[in-house]
């Protein structure tokens, strides 16, 4: 089983290329917003255009999915400089 982990600071806007590139097609992955201030939410996208979800500290700071055929994840922040962890297993 392949494993992948990365930590990035979410940028202000979606931009090419993807902020996270998983080197294999994962069976599942987790995205975690490590910030503690609710205004420092992070949105993610699978295509760099459409928002797939939002991670808000203190409300829903992580997302986990299974069987998602994705290799690139784009991130953008609402405010601050939130650190984001992405963990994937294949």
N, C-alpha and C. Protein backbone atom coordinates (compact mmCIF):
# COMPACT_ATOMS: atom_id res chain seq x y z
N UNK A 1 0.84 -1.17 0.00
CA UNK A 1 0.00 0.00 0.00
C UNK A 1 0.89 1.24 0.00
N UNK A 2 0.60 2.16 -0.90
CA UNK A 2 1.35 3.41 -0.99
C UNK A 2 0.78 4.43 -0.02
N UNK A 3 1.65 5.25 0.54
CA UNK A 3 1.24 6.31 1.45
C UNK A 3 1.85 7.63 0.98
N UNK A 4 1.14 8.72 1.26
CA UNK A 4 1.59 10.05 0.88
C UNK A 4 1.10 11.04 1.94
N UNK A 5 1.95 11.98 2.30
CA UNK A 5 1.56 13.04 3.23
C UNK A 5 2.27 14.32 2.83
N UNK A 6 1.56 15.43 2.95
CA UNK A 6 2.14 16.73 2.64
C UNK A 6 1.48 17.79 3.50
N UNK A 7 2.23 18.84 3.83
CA UNK A 7 1.69 20.00 4.53
C UNK A 7 2.02 21.23 3.70
N UNK A 8 1.01 22.04 3.44
CA UNK A 8 1.19 23.28 2.69
C UNK A 8 0.46 24.40 3.40
N UNK A 9 0.86 25.63 3.13
CA UNK A 9 0.11 26.80 3.57
C UNK A 9 -0.85 27.15 2.44
N UNK A 10 -2.13 27.22 2.75
CA UNK A 10 -3.13 27.47 1.71
C UNK A 10 -2.93 28.86 1.11
N UNK A 11 -2.87 28.95 -0.23
CA UNK A 11 -2.72 30.25 -0.90
C UNK A 11 -4.04 31.02 -0.91
N UNK A 12 -3.99 32.25 -1.38
CA UNK A 12 -5.18 33.11 -1.40
C UNK A 12 -6.17 32.73 -2.50
N UNK A 13 -5.71 32.04 -3.54
CA UNK A 13 -6.60 31.71 -4.66
C UNK A 13 -6.16 30.40 -5.30
N UNK A 14 -7.10 29.74 -5.98
CA UNK A 14 -6.76 28.56 -6.77
C UNK A 14 -5.84 29.01 -7.90
N UNK A 15 -4.78 28.28 -8.15
CA UNK A 15 -3.86 28.61 -9.24
C UNK A 15 -3.25 27.32 -9.77
N UNK A 16 -2.82 27.36 -11.03
CA UNK A 16 -2.17 26.19 -11.63
C UNK A 16 -0.69 26.22 -11.27
N UNK A 17 -0.08 25.09 -11.05
CA UNK A 17 -0.66 23.75 -10.98
C UNK A 17 -1.33 23.51 -9.63
N UNK A 18 -1.84 22.31 -9.41
CA UNK A 18 -2.48 21.96 -8.15
C UNK A 18 -1.52 22.17 -6.99
N UNK A 19 -2.05 22.55 -5.82
CA UNK A 19 -1.22 22.75 -4.63
C UNK A 19 -0.69 21.43 -4.09
N UNK A 20 -1.46 20.38 -4.25
CA UNK A 20 -1.06 19.04 -3.82
C UNK A 20 -1.22 18.11 -5.01
N UNK A 21 -0.17 17.37 -5.34
CA UNK A 21 -0.24 16.35 -6.38
C UNK A 21 0.10 15.01 -5.73
N UNK A 22 -0.87 14.12 -5.69
CA UNK A 22 -0.68 12.79 -5.11
C UNK A 22 -0.07 11.92 -6.20
N UNK A 23 1.06 11.27 -5.94
CA UNK A 23 1.78 10.53 -7.00
C UNK A 23 1.16 9.19 -7.39
N UNK A 24 -0.03 8.90 -6.90
CA UNK A 24 -0.74 7.67 -7.25
C UNK A 24 -2.23 7.95 -7.06
N UNK A 25 -3.09 7.09 -7.58
CA UNK A 25 -4.52 7.25 -7.37
C UNK A 25 -4.89 6.64 -6.02
N UNK A 26 -5.25 7.47 -5.04
CA UNK A 26 -5.47 6.95 -3.69
C UNK A 26 -6.80 6.21 -3.54
N UNK A 27 -6.81 5.27 -2.60
CA UNK A 27 -8.06 4.62 -2.23
C UNK A 27 -8.87 5.54 -1.33
N UNK A 28 -8.18 6.31 -0.50
CA UNK A 28 -8.84 7.34 0.29
C UNK A 28 -7.83 8.39 0.70
N UNK A 29 -8.34 9.56 1.05
CA UNK A 29 -7.46 10.63 1.50
C UNK A 29 -8.18 11.51 2.50
N UNK A 30 -7.39 12.24 3.26
CA UNK A 30 -7.88 13.14 4.30
C UNK A 30 -7.25 14.51 4.09
N UNK A 31 -8.05 15.56 4.24
CA UNK A 31 -7.57 16.94 4.20
C UNK A 31 -7.88 17.55 5.56
N UNK A 32 -6.88 18.17 6.20
CA UNK A 32 -7.05 18.74 7.54
C UNK A 32 -6.59 20.19 7.55
N UNK A 33 -7.45 21.09 8.03
CA UNK A 33 -7.08 22.48 8.25
C UNK A 33 -6.57 22.57 9.69
N UNK A 34 -5.29 22.86 9.87
CA UNK A 34 -4.66 22.85 11.19
C UNK A 34 -4.85 24.16 11.96
N UNK A 35 -5.50 25.16 11.36
CA UNK A 35 -5.67 26.45 12.03
C UNK A 35 -6.71 26.34 13.14
N UNK A 36 -6.77 27.35 14.01
CA UNK A 36 -7.72 27.36 15.13
C UNK A 36 -8.72 28.50 15.06
N UNK A 37 -8.57 29.40 14.09
CA UNK A 37 -9.45 30.57 13.96
C UNK A 37 -10.48 30.30 12.86
N UNK A 38 -11.76 30.40 13.18
CA UNK A 38 -12.82 30.07 12.22
C UNK A 38 -12.75 30.88 10.93
N UNK A 39 -12.30 32.12 11.00
CA UNK A 39 -12.20 32.95 9.78
C UNK A 39 -11.15 32.43 8.82
N UNK A 40 -10.23 31.59 9.30
CA UNK A 40 -9.14 31.05 8.47
C UNK A 40 -9.55 29.72 7.82
N UNK A 41 -10.75 29.72 7.25
CA UNK A 41 -11.23 28.52 6.58
C UNK A 41 -10.41 28.25 5.32
N UNK A 42 -10.50 27.02 4.83
CA UNK A 42 -9.82 26.61 3.61
C UNK A 42 -10.84 25.93 2.71
N UNK A 43 -10.87 26.32 1.45
CA UNK A 43 -11.70 25.65 0.46
C UNK A 43 -10.81 24.79 -0.41
N UNK A 44 -11.34 23.67 -0.91
CA UNK A 44 -10.55 22.84 -1.81
C UNK A 44 -11.35 22.55 -3.06
N UNK A 45 -10.60 22.19 -4.11
CA UNK A 45 -11.17 21.91 -5.42
C UNK A 45 -10.43 20.74 -6.04
N UNK A 46 -11.13 19.99 -6.89
CA UNK A 46 -10.49 18.90 -7.63
C UNK A 46 -10.09 19.32 -9.03
N UNK A 47 -10.51 20.52 -9.46
CA UNK A 47 -10.19 20.98 -10.81
C UNK A 47 -9.62 22.40 -10.87
N UNK A 48 -9.49 23.06 -9.72
CA UNK A 48 -8.95 24.42 -9.69
C UNK A 48 -9.96 25.48 -10.04
N UNK A 49 -11.22 25.10 -10.23
CA UNK A 49 -12.29 26.04 -10.59
C UNK A 49 -13.46 25.93 -9.62
N UNK A 50 -14.00 24.74 -9.50
CA UNK A 50 -15.20 24.50 -8.69
C UNK A 50 -14.84 24.10 -7.26
N UNK A 51 -15.46 24.75 -6.29
CA UNK A 51 -15.22 24.44 -4.88
C UNK A 51 -15.89 23.11 -4.54
N UNK A 52 -15.11 22.19 -3.98
CA UNK A 52 -15.64 20.89 -3.58
C UNK A 52 -16.07 20.89 -2.12
N UNK A 53 -15.45 21.75 -1.30
CA UNK A 53 -15.81 21.79 0.11
C UNK A 53 -15.03 22.86 0.86
N UNK A 54 -15.41 23.03 2.13
CA UNK A 54 -14.78 24.03 2.99
C UNK A 54 -14.44 23.41 4.34
N UNK A 55 -13.24 23.70 4.82
CA UNK A 55 -12.78 23.24 6.13
C UNK A 55 -12.70 24.45 7.05
N UNK A 56 -13.53 24.47 8.09
CA UNK A 56 -13.59 25.60 9.01
C UNK A 56 -13.16 25.15 10.40
N UNK A 57 -12.07 25.73 10.94
CA UNK A 57 -11.62 25.35 12.28
C UNK A 57 -12.74 25.48 13.32
N UNK A 58 -12.85 24.49 14.17
CA UNK A 58 -13.85 24.49 15.23
C UNK A 58 -15.22 24.01 14.80
N UNK A 59 -15.44 23.86 13.49
CA UNK A 59 -16.74 23.41 12.99
C UNK A 59 -16.58 22.09 12.24
N UNK A 60 -15.84 22.12 11.15
CA UNK A 60 -15.53 20.92 10.37
C UNK A 60 -14.13 21.09 9.78
N UNK A 61 -13.13 20.82 10.58
CA UNK A 61 -11.74 21.10 10.22
C UNK A 61 -11.09 20.01 9.38
N UNK A 62 -11.78 18.88 9.12
CA UNK A 62 -11.16 17.85 8.29
C UNK A 62 -12.21 17.20 7.39
N UNK A 63 -11.71 16.59 6.32
CA UNK A 63 -12.55 15.88 5.36
C UNK A 63 -11.84 14.59 4.99
N UNK A 64 -12.59 13.50 4.94
CA UNK A 64 -12.02 12.20 4.56
C UNK A 64 -12.96 11.55 3.56
N UNK A 65 -12.39 10.98 2.52
CA UNK A 65 -13.20 10.31 1.51
C UNK A 65 -12.55 9.00 1.10
N UNK A 66 -13.37 8.11 0.61
CA UNK A 66 -12.90 6.82 0.10
C UNK A 66 -13.25 6.70 -1.38
N UNK A 67 -12.44 5.95 -2.09
CA UNK A 67 -12.69 5.63 -3.50
C UNK A 67 -12.92 6.87 -4.35
N UNK A 68 -12.10 7.88 -4.15
CA UNK A 68 -12.17 9.10 -4.95
C UNK A 68 -10.99 9.12 -5.90
N UNK A 69 -11.24 9.04 -7.19
CA UNK A 69 -10.16 9.02 -8.18
C UNK A 69 -9.67 10.45 -8.40
N UNK A 70 -8.75 10.88 -7.58
CA UNK A 70 -8.22 12.25 -7.64
C UNK A 70 -6.72 12.21 -7.42
N UNK A 71 -5.99 13.05 -8.13
CA UNK A 71 -4.54 13.12 -7.92
C UNK A 71 -4.10 14.54 -7.63
N UNK A 72 -4.92 15.53 -8.02
CA UNK A 72 -4.58 16.93 -7.77
C UNK A 72 -5.61 17.59 -6.89
N UNK A 73 -5.15 18.39 -5.92
CA UNK A 73 -6.05 19.12 -5.03
C UNK A 73 -5.59 20.58 -4.99
N UNK A 74 -6.50 21.48 -5.28
CA UNK A 74 -6.24 22.92 -5.21
C UNK A 74 -6.79 23.43 -3.89
N UNK A 75 -6.12 24.40 -3.31
CA UNK A 75 -6.53 24.97 -2.03
C UNK A 75 -6.59 26.49 -2.13
N UNK A 76 -7.45 27.10 -1.32
CA UNK A 76 -7.43 28.55 -1.14
C UNK A 76 -7.97 28.87 0.25
N UNK A 77 -7.46 29.96 0.82
CA UNK A 77 -7.81 30.32 2.19
C UNK A 77 -8.82 31.47 2.21
N UNK A 78 -9.52 31.57 3.34
CA UNK A 78 -10.41 32.69 3.56
C UNK A 78 -9.65 33.86 4.15
N UNK A 79 -8.74 33.58 5.09
CA UNK A 79 -7.95 34.60 5.76
C UNK A 79 -6.77 33.91 6.44
N UNK A 80 -5.87 34.71 7.01
CA UNK A 80 -4.72 34.13 7.73
C UNK A 80 -3.80 33.34 6.83
N UNK A 81 -3.07 32.43 7.44
CA UNK A 81 -2.15 31.54 6.70
C UNK A 81 -2.30 30.11 7.23
N UNK A 82 -3.47 29.51 7.02
CA UNK A 82 -3.69 28.18 7.57
C UNK A 82 -2.83 27.10 6.93
N UNK A 83 -2.29 26.24 7.77
CA UNK A 83 -1.55 25.06 7.31
C UNK A 83 -2.56 23.96 7.04
N UNK A 84 -2.34 23.24 5.94
CA UNK A 84 -3.24 22.17 5.53
C UNK A 84 -2.43 20.90 5.35
N UNK A 85 -2.88 19.82 5.99
CA UNK A 85 -2.27 18.51 5.82
C UNK A 85 -3.14 17.68 4.88
N UNK A 86 -2.49 16.96 3.96
CA UNK A 86 -3.19 16.01 3.10
C UNK A 86 -2.50 14.66 3.29
N UNK A 87 -3.28 13.65 3.61
CA UNK A 87 -2.77 12.31 3.82
C UNK A 87 -3.53 11.39 2.87
N UNK A 88 -2.82 10.61 2.07
CA UNK A 88 -3.45 9.71 1.12
C UNK A 88 -2.88 8.31 1.29
N UNK A 89 -3.74 7.33 1.08
CA UNK A 89 -3.30 5.93 1.12
C UNK A 89 -3.86 5.23 -0.09
N UNK A 90 -3.03 4.40 -0.68
CA UNK A 90 -3.44 3.69 -1.88
C UNK A 90 -3.29 2.26 -1.71
